[in-house]
Amino acid sequence: MAYTPVVGKSIRRQLEDREEEILSPHACLNKNSAGRMRVEEDDGCDIRMPFARDRDRITHSKTFRRLKHKTQVF
């Protein structure tokens, strides 16, 4: 399945459309995110979605990097 970007749509809208096409109907989509318990500052990037922001926060954390050469951590 080749992905071809649509001209005229925002990058975020393209990512949301692709997410709906690829993921299971039972998946939790970014647009259905419940948000945060604490309000976060807007980083000015409207392209990154909530789950991508969470993933990046985990993978770049010091705690996760310490597990780098341990078993079952990619």
N, C-alpha and C. Protein backbone atom coordinates (compact mmCIF):
# COMPACT_ATOMS: atom_id res chain seq x y z
N MET A 1 0.85 -1.17 0.00
CA MET A 1 0.00 0.00 0.00
C MET A 1 0.90 1.24 0.00
N ALA A 2 0.92 1.94 -1.08
CA ALA A 2 1.74 3.14 -1.19
C ALA A 2 0.97 4.34 -0.67
N TYR A 3 1.68 5.20 -0.01
CA TYR A 3 1.06 6.41 0.54
C TYR A 3 1.44 7.59 -0.33
N THR A 4 0.46 8.28 -0.86
CA THR A 4 0.72 9.47 -1.65
C THR A 4 0.10 10.66 -0.95
N PRO A 5 0.88 11.68 -0.64
CA PRO A 5 0.35 12.85 0.05
C PRO A 5 -0.60 13.64 -0.85
N VAL A 6 -1.61 14.22 -0.25
CA VAL A 6 -2.59 15.01 -0.97
C VAL A 6 -2.19 16.48 -0.86
N VAL A 7 -2.10 17.13 -2.00
CA VAL A 7 -1.73 18.55 -2.01
C VAL A 7 -2.90 19.37 -1.50
N GLY A 8 -2.61 20.34 -0.64
CA GLY A 8 -3.65 21.21 -0.12
C GLY A 8 -4.09 20.85 1.29
N LYS A 9 -3.80 19.65 1.73
CA LYS A 9 -4.14 19.26 3.10
C LYS A 9 -2.96 19.54 4.01
N SER A 10 -3.25 19.86 5.25
CA SER A 10 -2.16 20.07 6.20
C SER A 10 -1.49 18.74 6.51
N ILE A 11 -0.26 18.81 6.96
CA ILE A 11 0.48 17.60 7.29
C ILE A 11 -0.23 16.83 8.40
N ARG A 12 -0.71 17.56 9.40
CA ARG A 12 -1.40 16.90 10.51
C ARG A 12 -2.65 16.18 10.02
N ARG A 13 -3.41 16.81 9.14
CA ARG A 13 -4.63 16.18 8.61
C ARG A 13 -4.28 14.93 7.81
N GLN A 14 -3.17 14.98 7.06
CA GLN A 14 -2.73 13.81 6.31
C GLN A 14 -2.37 12.67 7.26
N LEU A 15 -1.69 13.00 8.37
CA LEU A 15 -1.32 11.98 9.36
C LEU A 15 -2.56 11.38 10.01
N GLU A 16 -3.55 12.21 10.31
CA GLU A 16 -4.79 11.71 10.92
C GLU A 16 -5.54 10.81 9.95
N ASP A 17 -5.61 11.18 8.68
CA ASP A 17 -6.27 10.35 7.68
C ASP A 17 -5.56 9.01 7.53
N ARG A 18 -4.23 9.05 7.50
CA ARG A 18 -3.45 7.82 7.36
C ARG A 18 -3.65 6.92 8.58
N GLU A 19 -3.71 7.52 9.76
CA GLU A 19 -3.93 6.77 10.99
C GLU A 19 -5.27 6.04 10.94
N GLU A 20 -6.30 6.71 10.45
CA GLU A 20 -7.63 6.09 10.35
C GLU A 20 -7.64 4.94 9.35
N GLU A 21 -6.88 5.07 8.26
CA GLU A 21 -6.82 4.03 7.23
C GLU A 21 -6.08 2.79 7.72
N ILE A 22 -4.97 2.99 8.42
CA ILE A 22 -4.07 1.89 8.75
C ILE A 22 -4.46 1.15 10.03
N LEU A 23 -4.83 1.89 11.07
CA LEU A 23 -5.06 1.26 12.37
C LEU A 23 -6.38 0.51 12.44
N SER A 24 -6.44 -0.42 13.35
CA SER A 24 -7.63 -1.22 13.59
C SER A 24 -8.78 -0.34 14.07
N PRO A 25 -10.02 -0.75 13.81
CA PRO A 25 -11.17 0.01 14.33
C PRO A 25 -11.19 0.06 15.86
N HIS A 26 -10.48 -0.87 16.50
CA HIS A 26 -10.44 -0.92 17.96
C HIS A 26 -9.30 -0.09 18.55
N ALA A 27 -8.46 0.47 17.70
CA ALA A 27 -7.31 1.25 18.17
C ALA A 27 -7.77 2.59 18.74
N CYS A 28 -6.96 3.12 19.62
CA CYS A 28 -7.22 4.44 20.20
C CYS A 28 -6.54 5.48 19.31
N LEU A 29 -7.32 6.26 18.61
CA LEU A 29 -6.78 7.26 17.69
C LEU A 29 -6.38 8.52 18.43
N ASN A 30 -5.47 9.27 17.84
CA ASN A 30 -5.01 10.52 18.44
C ASN A 30 -6.15 11.51 18.63
N LYS A 31 -7.09 11.54 17.69
CA LYS A 31 -8.18 12.51 17.80
C LYS A 31 -9.11 12.18 18.97
N ASN A 32 -9.06 10.95 19.48
CA ASN A 32 -9.89 10.55 20.62
C ASN A 32 -9.12 10.59 21.93
N SER A 33 -7.95 11.19 21.92
CA SER A 33 -7.12 11.28 23.12
C SER A 33 -7.86 12.07 24.20
N ALA A 34 -7.77 11.59 25.43
CA ALA A 34 -8.45 12.25 26.55
C ALA A 34 -7.68 13.47 27.04
N GLY A 35 -6.48 13.66 26.55
CA GLY A 35 -5.70 14.83 26.96
C GLY A 35 -4.81 14.54 28.15
N ARG A 36 -4.44 15.56 28.85
CA ARG A 36 -3.51 15.46 29.97
C ARG A 36 -4.19 15.82 31.28
N MET A 37 -3.65 15.28 32.37
CA MET A 37 -4.14 15.66 33.70
C MET A 37 -3.71 17.09 34.01
N ARG A 38 -2.48 17.43 33.58
CA ARG A 38 -1.97 18.79 33.76
C ARG A 38 -1.86 19.45 32.39
N VAL A 39 -2.15 20.70 32.35
CA VAL A 39 -2.05 21.44 31.10
C VAL A 39 -0.58 21.66 30.76
N GLU A 40 -0.21 21.37 29.52
CA GLU A 40 1.17 21.56 29.07
C GLU A 40 1.26 22.79 28.20
N GLU A 41 2.46 23.36 28.17
CA GLU A 41 2.69 24.49 27.28
C GLU A 41 2.64 24.00 25.84
N ASP A 42 2.10 24.82 24.97
CA ASP A 42 2.09 24.49 23.55
C ASP A 42 3.49 24.72 23.00
N ASP A 43 4.06 23.68 22.36
CA ASP A 43 5.42 23.82 21.85
C ASP A 43 5.47 24.49 20.48
N GLY A 44 4.33 24.92 19.99
CA GLY A 44 4.29 25.63 18.72
C GLY A 44 4.32 24.73 17.50
N CYS A 45 4.35 23.43 17.72
CA CYS A 45 4.38 22.48 16.61
C CYS A 45 3.01 21.82 16.51
N ASP A 46 2.25 22.19 15.50
CA ASP A 46 0.92 21.61 15.37
C ASP A 46 0.93 20.33 14.55
N ILE A 47 2.12 19.85 14.17
CA ILE A 47 2.21 18.61 13.40
C ILE A 47 2.24 17.40 14.32
N ARG A 48 2.97 17.49 15.42
CA ARG A 48 3.11 16.34 16.33
C ARG A 48 1.80 16.09 17.07
N MET A 49 1.42 14.81 17.08
CA MET A 49 0.18 14.43 17.75
C MET A 49 0.49 13.96 19.17
N PRO A 50 -0.52 13.86 20.03
CA PRO A 50 -0.28 13.53 21.44
C PRO A 50 0.50 12.23 21.66
N PHE A 51 0.16 11.16 20.94
CA PHE A 51 0.86 9.90 21.16
C PHE A 51 2.31 9.97 20.67
N ALA A 52 2.57 10.71 19.62
CA ALA A 52 3.95 10.89 19.14
C ALA A 52 4.76 11.66 20.16
N ARG A 53 4.15 12.65 20.77
CA ARG A 53 4.83 13.45 21.80
C ARG A 53 5.16 12.56 23.00
N ASP A 54 4.22 11.69 23.40
CA ASP A 54 4.45 10.77 24.52
C ASP A 54 5.56 9.78 24.19
N ARG A 55 5.52 9.23 22.98
CA ARG A 55 6.55 8.26 22.56
C ARG A 55 7.93 8.90 22.61
N ASP A 56 8.05 10.10 22.08
CA ASP A 56 9.34 10.79 22.09
C ASP A 56 9.81 11.09 23.50
N ARG A 57 8.88 11.45 24.36
CA ARG A 57 9.24 11.76 25.75
C ARG A 57 9.80 10.51 26.44
N ILE A 58 9.23 9.35 26.16
CA ILE A 58 9.70 8.11 26.77
C ILE A 58 11.05 7.68 26.20
N THR A 59 11.15 7.64 24.87
CA THR A 59 12.38 7.12 24.26
C THR A 59 13.59 8.01 24.48
N HIS A 60 13.38 9.29 24.74
CA HIS A 60 14.50 10.20 24.97
C HIS A 60 14.75 10.47 26.45
N SER A 61 14.04 9.76 27.31
CA SER A 61 14.24 9.97 28.75
C SER A 61 15.53 9.28 29.21
N LYS A 62 16.12 9.83 30.25
CA LYS A 62 17.36 9.28 30.79
C LYS A 62 17.14 7.86 31.31
N THR A 63 16.02 7.63 31.94
CA THR A 63 15.72 6.31 32.49
C THR A 63 15.66 5.25 31.40
N PHE A 64 15.00 5.55 30.30
CA PHE A 64 14.88 4.60 29.21
C PHE A 64 16.24 4.35 28.55
N ARG A 65 17.04 5.39 28.40
CA ARG A 65 18.37 5.24 27.78
C ARG A 65 19.29 4.37 28.62
N ARG A 66 19.10 4.37 29.94
CA ARG A 66 19.92 3.52 30.80
C ARG A 66 19.67 2.05 30.52
N LEU A 67 18.50 1.72 30.00
CA LEU A 67 18.15 0.33 29.70
C LEU A 67 18.60 -0.10 28.31
N LYS A 68 19.32 0.75 27.62
CA LYS A 68 19.67 0.54 26.22
C LYS A 68 20.29 -0.83 25.93
N HIS A 69 21.24 -1.26 26.72
CA HIS A 69 21.93 -2.52 26.44
C HIS A 69 21.39 -3.69 27.26
N LYS A 70 20.22 -3.54 27.80
CA LYS A 70 19.60 -4.61 28.58
C LYS A 70 18.70 -5.44 27.67
N THR A 71 18.28 -6.57 28.13
CA THR A 71 17.44 -7.48 27.36
C THR A 71 16.05 -6.88 27.14
N GLN A 72 15.48 -7.12 25.98
CA GLN A 72 14.11 -6.78 25.60
C GLN A 72 13.82 -5.29 25.54
N VAL A 73 14.82 -4.47 25.43
CA VAL A 73 14.60 -3.04 25.23
C VAL A 73 15.19 -2.68 23.89
N PHE A 74 14.41 -2.09 23.05
CA PHE A 74 14.85 -1.78 21.69
C PHE A 74 15.28 -0.35 21.58
